[in-house]
C-alpha atoms as a PDB file:
ATOM      1  CA  UNK A   1     -11.203 -34.610  38.977  1.00  0.00           C
ATOM      2  CA  UNK A   2      -9.585 -31.111  38.331  1.00  0.00           C
ATOM      3  CA  UNK A   3     -11.434 -28.253  37.520  1.00  0.00           C
ATOM      4  CA  UNK A   4      -9.415 -26.309  33.958  1.00  0.00           C
ATOM      5  CA  UNK A   5      -9.879 -22.696  34.053  1.00  0.00           C
ATOM      6  CA  UNK A   6     -10.690 -20.651  31.715  1.00  0.00           C
ATOM      7  CA  UNK A   7     -10.220 -17.157  30.605  1.00  0.00           C
ATOM      8  CA  UNK A   8     -13.161 -15.694  28.982  1.00  0.00           C
ATOM      9  CA  UNK A   9     -13.344 -12.321  28.067  1.00  0.00           C
ATOM     10  CA  UNK A  10     -16.319 -10.751  27.268  1.00  0.00           C
ATOM     11  CA  UNK A  11     -16.352  -7.411  25.988  1.00  0.00           C
ATOM     12  CA  UNK A  12     -19.988  -4.527  25.308  1.00  0.00           C
ATOM     13  CA  UNK A  13     -20.536  -4.031  21.968  1.00  0.00           C
ATOM     14  CA  UNK A  14     -19.262  -0.424  22.361  1.00  0.00           C
ATOM     15  CA  UNK A  15     -15.641  -2.388  22.701  1.00  0.00           C
ATOM     16  CA  UNK A  16     -16.422  -3.822  20.461  1.00  0.00           C
ATOM     17  CA  UNK A  17     -17.270  -1.133  18.025  1.00  0.00           C
ATOM     18  CA  UNK A  18     -13.513  -0.436  19.076  1.00  0.00           C
ATOM     19  CA  UNK A  19     -11.273  -2.589  18.840  1.00  0.00           C
ATOM     20  CA  UNK A  20     -12.998  -3.296  15.685  1.00  0.00           C
ATOM     21  CA  UNK A  21     -11.778   0.804  14.397  1.00  0.00           C
ATOM     22  CA  UNK A  22      -8.078   0.505  15.630  1.00  0.00           C
ATOM     23  CA  UNK A  23      -8.150  -2.926  13.757  1.00  0.00           C
ATOM     24  CA  UNK A  24      -8.861  -0.650  11.228  1.00  0.00           C
ATOM     25  CA  UNK A  25      -7.530   1.801  11.708  1.00  0.00           C
ATOM     26  CA  UNK A  26      -3.292  -0.126  12.200  1.00  0.00           C
ATOM     27  CA  UNK A  27      -4.675  -1.928   8.762  1.00  0.00           C
ATOM     28  CA  UNK A  28      -5.075   1.356   7.062  1.00  0.00           C
ATOM     29  CA  UNK A  29      -1.786   3.171   8.073  1.00  0.00           C
ATOM     30  CA  UNK A  30      -0.114  -0.137   7.467  1.00  0.00           C
ATOM     31  CA  UNK A  31      -1.455  -0.400   3.714  1.00  0.00           C
ATOM     32  CA  UNK A  32      -0.752   3.709   3.850  1.00  0.00           C
ATOM     33  CA  UNK A  33       2.944   3.286   4.352  1.00  0.00           C
ATOM     34  CA  UNK A  34       2.836   0.272   2.160  1.00  0.00           C
ATOM     35  CA  UNK A  35       1.555   3.082  -0.794  1.00  0.00           C
ATOM     36  CA  UNK A  36       3.727   5.541   0.002  1.00  0.00           C
ATOM     37  CA  UNK A  37       7.101   2.928  -0.205  1.00  0.00           C
ATOM     38  CA  UNK A  38       5.419   2.171  -3.344  1.00  0.00           C
ATOM     39  CA  UNK A  39       4.780   5.125  -4.775  1.00  0.00           C
ATOM     40  CA  UNK A  40       8.814   5.827  -4.722  1.00  0.00           C
ATOM     41  CA  UNK A  41       9.735   2.684  -6.464  1.00  0.00           C
ATOM     42  CA  UNK A  42       7.677   3.758  -9.440  1.00  0.00           C
ATOM     43  CA  UNK A  43       9.091   7.452  -9.280  1.00  0.00           C
ATOM     44  CA  UNK A  44      12.661   5.866  -8.632  1.00  0.00           C
ATOM     45  CA  UNK A  45      11.502   3.597 -12.076  1.00  0.00           C
ATOM     46  CA  UNK A  46      10.159   6.009 -14.204  1.00  0.00           C
ATOM     47  CA  UNK A  47      13.205   8.876 -13.146  1.00  0.00           C
ATOM     48  CA  UNK A  48      16.046   6.445 -14.277  1.00  0.00           C
ATOM     49  CA  UNK A  49      13.366   4.958 -17.440  1.00  0.00           C
ATOM     50  CA  UNK A  50      14.091   9.139 -18.602  1.00  0.00           C
ATOM     51  CA  UNK A  51      17.448   9.198 -17.897  1.00  0.00           C
ATOM     52  CA  UNK A  52      18.089   6.105 -19.989  1.00  0.00           C
ATOM     53  CA  UNK A  53      16.335   7.712 -22.337  1.00  0.00           C
ATOM     54  CA  UNK A  54      17.822  10.679 -22.540  1.00  0.00           C
ATOM     55  CA  UNK A  55      20.945   9.427 -23.368  1.00  0.00           C
ATOM     56  CA  UNK A  56      20.147   6.784 -25.635  1.00  0.00           C
ATOM     57  CA  UNK A  57      20.134   3.485 -22.993  1.00  0.00           C
ATOM     58  CA  UNK A  58      16.163   2.874 -24.408  1.00  0.00           C
ATOM     59  CA  UNK A  59      15.201   3.016 -27.475  1.00  0.00           C
ATOM     60  CA  UNK A  60      11.527   3.991 -28.352  1.00  0.00           C
ATOM     61  CA  UNK A  61      10.566  -0.020 -28.598  1.00  0.00           C
ATOM     62  CA  UNK A  62      10.129   0.063 -24.603  1.00  0.00           C
ATOM     63  CA  UNK A  63       8.112   2.864 -24.119  1.00  0.00           C
ATOM     64  CA  UNK A  64       5.017   0.245 -22.698  1.00  0.00           C
ATOM     65  CA  UNK A  65       7.820  -0.134 -19.662  1.00  0.00           C
ATOM     66  CA  UNK A  66       7.527   3.532 -18.783  1.00  0.00           C
ATOM     67  CA  UNK A  67       3.228   3.359 -19.838  1.00  0.00           C
ATOM     68  CA  UNK A  68       3.629   0.094 -17.121  1.00  0.00           C
ATOM     69  CA  UNK A  69       5.229   2.680 -14.111  1.00  0.00           C
ATOM     70  CA  UNK A  70       3.312   5.911 -14.608  1.00  0.00           C
ATOM     71  CA  UNK A  71       0.147   3.513 -14.370  1.00  0.00           C
ATOM     72  CA  UNK A  72       0.861   1.871 -11.502  1.00  0.00           C
ATOM     73  CA  UNK A  73       1.705   6.224 -10.368  1.00  0.00           C
ATOM     74  CA  UNK A  74      -1.990   6.611 -11.672  1.00  0.00           C
ATOM     75  CA  UNK A  75      -3.383   3.454  -9.658  1.00  0.00           C
ATOM     76  CA  UNK A  76      -1.766   4.378  -6.513  1.00  0.00           C
ATOM     77  CA  UNK A  77      -3.071   8.025  -7.058  1.00  0.00           C
ATOM     78  CA  UNK A  78      -6.235   6.749  -6.857  1.00  0.00           C
ATOM     79  CA  UNK A  79      -6.597   4.361  -4.160  1.00  0.00           C
ATOM     80  CA  UNK A  80      -5.041   7.159  -2.457  1.00  0.00           C
ATOM     81  CA  UNK A  81      -7.997   9.269  -2.918  1.00  0.00           C
ATOM     82  CA  UNK A  82     -10.547   6.592  -2.062  1.00  0.00           C
ATOM     83  CA  UNK A  83      -9.126   7.341   1.881  1.00  0.00           C
END
C-alpha cells in the first residue's frame, strides 16, 4: 500500500480574517483602478463630444449621447463616495 501525502493547511480564525481582508482590499483596489480608467475614457468622450458640437459636427439631435456619458460619469462618481 502506498500512502498519499496531503498538504492540509489549517488557519486560525484570525488568520482567515486577515486573508479575507487582504483579498477584499485587493479586489477593492482593482475595482478602483478600473473605475479611474473608465472615468478617463468617459471624460475624454465628453470632451470630444463638446469639441465636435462646437465645430458643428454634432447637431442637437444627438444630445442623448452626451447625456449618457454624463450619467455614466455621475454613476461612477457616486460609487466612489461609497468606498
